[in-house]
Amino acid sequence: MQIIQFTQDLANPIHQYKSVDTFYRKITKTEMPTTIGFIYIEPGGVVGMHEAPRSTALYRY
């Protein structure tokens, strides 16, 4: 078992696609073309418009 921290300070800022105040933390990558990670969006932040390279799920909490 591995304990993974989901804190924003461990995430990398996203600068592509005119994103603003967004950060990405990769959790794992599988053998199939699948990546699991978290995107942190600050209040007023924006994930820039782009075509996703694969199917994407978005969960807000």
C-alpha atoms as a PDB file:
ATOM      1  CA  MET A   1       0.000   0.000   0.000  1.00  0.00           C
ATOM      2  CA  GLN A   2       1.194   3.486  -0.823  1.00  0.00           C
ATOM      3  CA  ILE A   3      -0.142   6.612   0.878  1.00  0.00           C
ATOM      4  CA  ILE A   4      -0.424   9.464  -1.594  1.00  0.00           C
ATOM      5  CA  GLN A   5      -0.732  13.076  -0.559  1.00  0.00           C
ATOM      6  CA  PHE A   6      -3.155  15.189  -2.561  1.00  0.00           C
ATOM      7  CA  THR A   7      -1.961  18.574  -1.402  1.00  0.00           C
ATOM      8  CA  GLN A   8      -1.656  21.394  -3.898  1.00  0.00           C
ATOM      9  CA  ASP A   9       1.877  22.255  -2.815  1.00  0.00           C
ATOM     10  CA  LEU A  10       3.050  18.946  -4.360  1.00  0.00           C
ATOM     11  CA  ALA A  11       1.373  19.714  -7.705  1.00  0.00           C
ATOM     12  CA  ASN A  12       2.922  21.365 -10.776  1.00  0.00           C
ATOM     13  CA  PRO A  13       1.474  24.557 -12.233  1.00  0.00           C
ATOM     14  CA  ILE A  14      -0.227  24.256 -15.626  1.00  0.00           C
ATOM     15  CA  HIS A  15       0.857  27.001 -18.015  1.00  0.00           C
ATOM     16  CA  GLN A  16      -0.307  25.497 -21.333  1.00  0.00           C
ATOM     17  CA  TYR A  17      -3.508  26.505 -23.131  1.00  0.00           C
ATOM     18  CA  LYS A  18      -3.778  29.846 -21.300  1.00  0.00           C
ATOM     19  CA  SER A  19      -4.599  28.070 -18.029  1.00  0.00           C
ATOM     20  CA  VAL A  20      -4.691  30.304 -14.955  1.00  0.00           C
ATOM     21  CA  ASP A  21      -4.221  29.246 -11.317  1.00  0.00           C
ATOM     22  CA  THR A  22      -4.393  25.511 -12.093  1.00  0.00           C
ATOM     23  CA  PHE A  23      -2.071  22.763 -10.850  1.00  0.00           C
ATOM     24  CA  TYR A  24      -1.651  19.077 -11.766  1.00  0.00           C
ATOM     25  CA  ARG A  25      -0.541  16.162  -9.613  1.00  0.00           C
ATOM     26  CA  LYS A  26       0.013  12.826 -11.387  1.00  0.00           C
ATOM     27  CA  ILE A  27      -0.892   9.847  -9.210  1.00  0.00           C
ATOM     28  CA  THR A  28      -0.064   6.924 -11.490  1.00  0.00           C
ATOM     29  CA  LYS A  29       0.259   5.802 -15.106  1.00  0.00           C
ATOM     30  CA  THR A  30      -0.889   2.345 -16.215  1.00  0.00           C
ATOM     31  CA  GLU A  31       0.396   0.084 -18.985  1.00  0.00           C
ATOM     32  CA  MET A  32      -2.629   1.071 -21.042  1.00  0.00           C
ATOM     33  CA  PRO A  33      -2.678   4.714 -22.172  1.00  0.00           C
ATOM     34  CA  THR A  34      -4.262   5.831 -18.885  1.00  0.00           C
ATOM     35  CA  THR A  35      -3.029   8.446 -16.449  1.00  0.00           C
ATOM     36  CA  ILE A  36      -4.652   9.164 -13.105  1.00  0.00           C
ATOM     37  CA  GLY A  37      -4.107  12.530 -11.528  1.00  0.00           C
ATOM     38  CA  PHE A  38      -5.683  15.545  -9.881  1.00  0.00           C
ATOM     39  CA  ILE A  39      -6.117  19.070 -11.163  1.00  0.00           C
ATOM     40  CA  TYR A  40      -6.402  21.803  -8.565  1.00  0.00           C
ATOM     41  CA  ILE A  41      -8.277  24.892  -9.710  1.00  0.00           C
ATOM     42  CA  GLU A  42      -8.002  27.976  -7.534  1.00  0.00           C
ATOM     43  CA  PRO A  43     -11.093  30.190  -7.105  1.00  0.00           C
ATOM     44  CA  GLY A  44     -11.291  32.174 -10.340  1.00  0.00           C
ATOM     45  CA  GLY A  45      -8.847  29.753 -12.002  1.00  0.00           C
ATOM     46  CA  VAL A  46      -9.254  28.522 -15.572  1.00  0.00           C
ATOM     47  CA  VAL A  47      -8.293  25.307 -17.340  1.00  0.00           C
ATOM     48  CA  GLY A  48      -7.504  26.498 -20.854  1.00  0.00           C
ATOM     49  CA  MET A  49      -9.515  25.140 -23.771  1.00  0.00           C
ATOM     50  CA  HIS A  50      -7.847  22.178 -25.475  1.00  0.00           C
ATOM     51  CA  GLU A  51      -8.707  18.794 -26.941  1.00  0.00           C
ATOM     52  CA  ALA A  52      -8.033  16.036 -24.419  1.00  0.00           C
ATOM     53  CA  PRO A  53      -5.635  13.349 -25.706  1.00  0.00           C
ATOM     54  CA  ARG A  54      -7.867  10.633 -24.159  1.00  0.00           C
ATOM     55  CA  SER A  55     -11.178  10.293 -22.323  1.00  0.00           C
ATOM     56  CA  THR A  56     -11.335  12.469 -19.233  1.00  0.00           C
ATOM     57  CA  ALA A  57     -13.476  12.301 -16.106  1.00  0.00           C
ATOM     58  CA  LEU A  58     -14.032  15.339 -13.922  1.00  0.00           C
ATOM     59  CA  TYR A  59     -15.052  15.060 -10.294  1.00  0.00           C
ATOM     60  CA  ARG A  60     -15.654  18.156  -8.206  1.00  0.00           C
ATOM     61  CA  TYR A  61     -15.606  18.154  -4.434  1.00  0.00           C
END
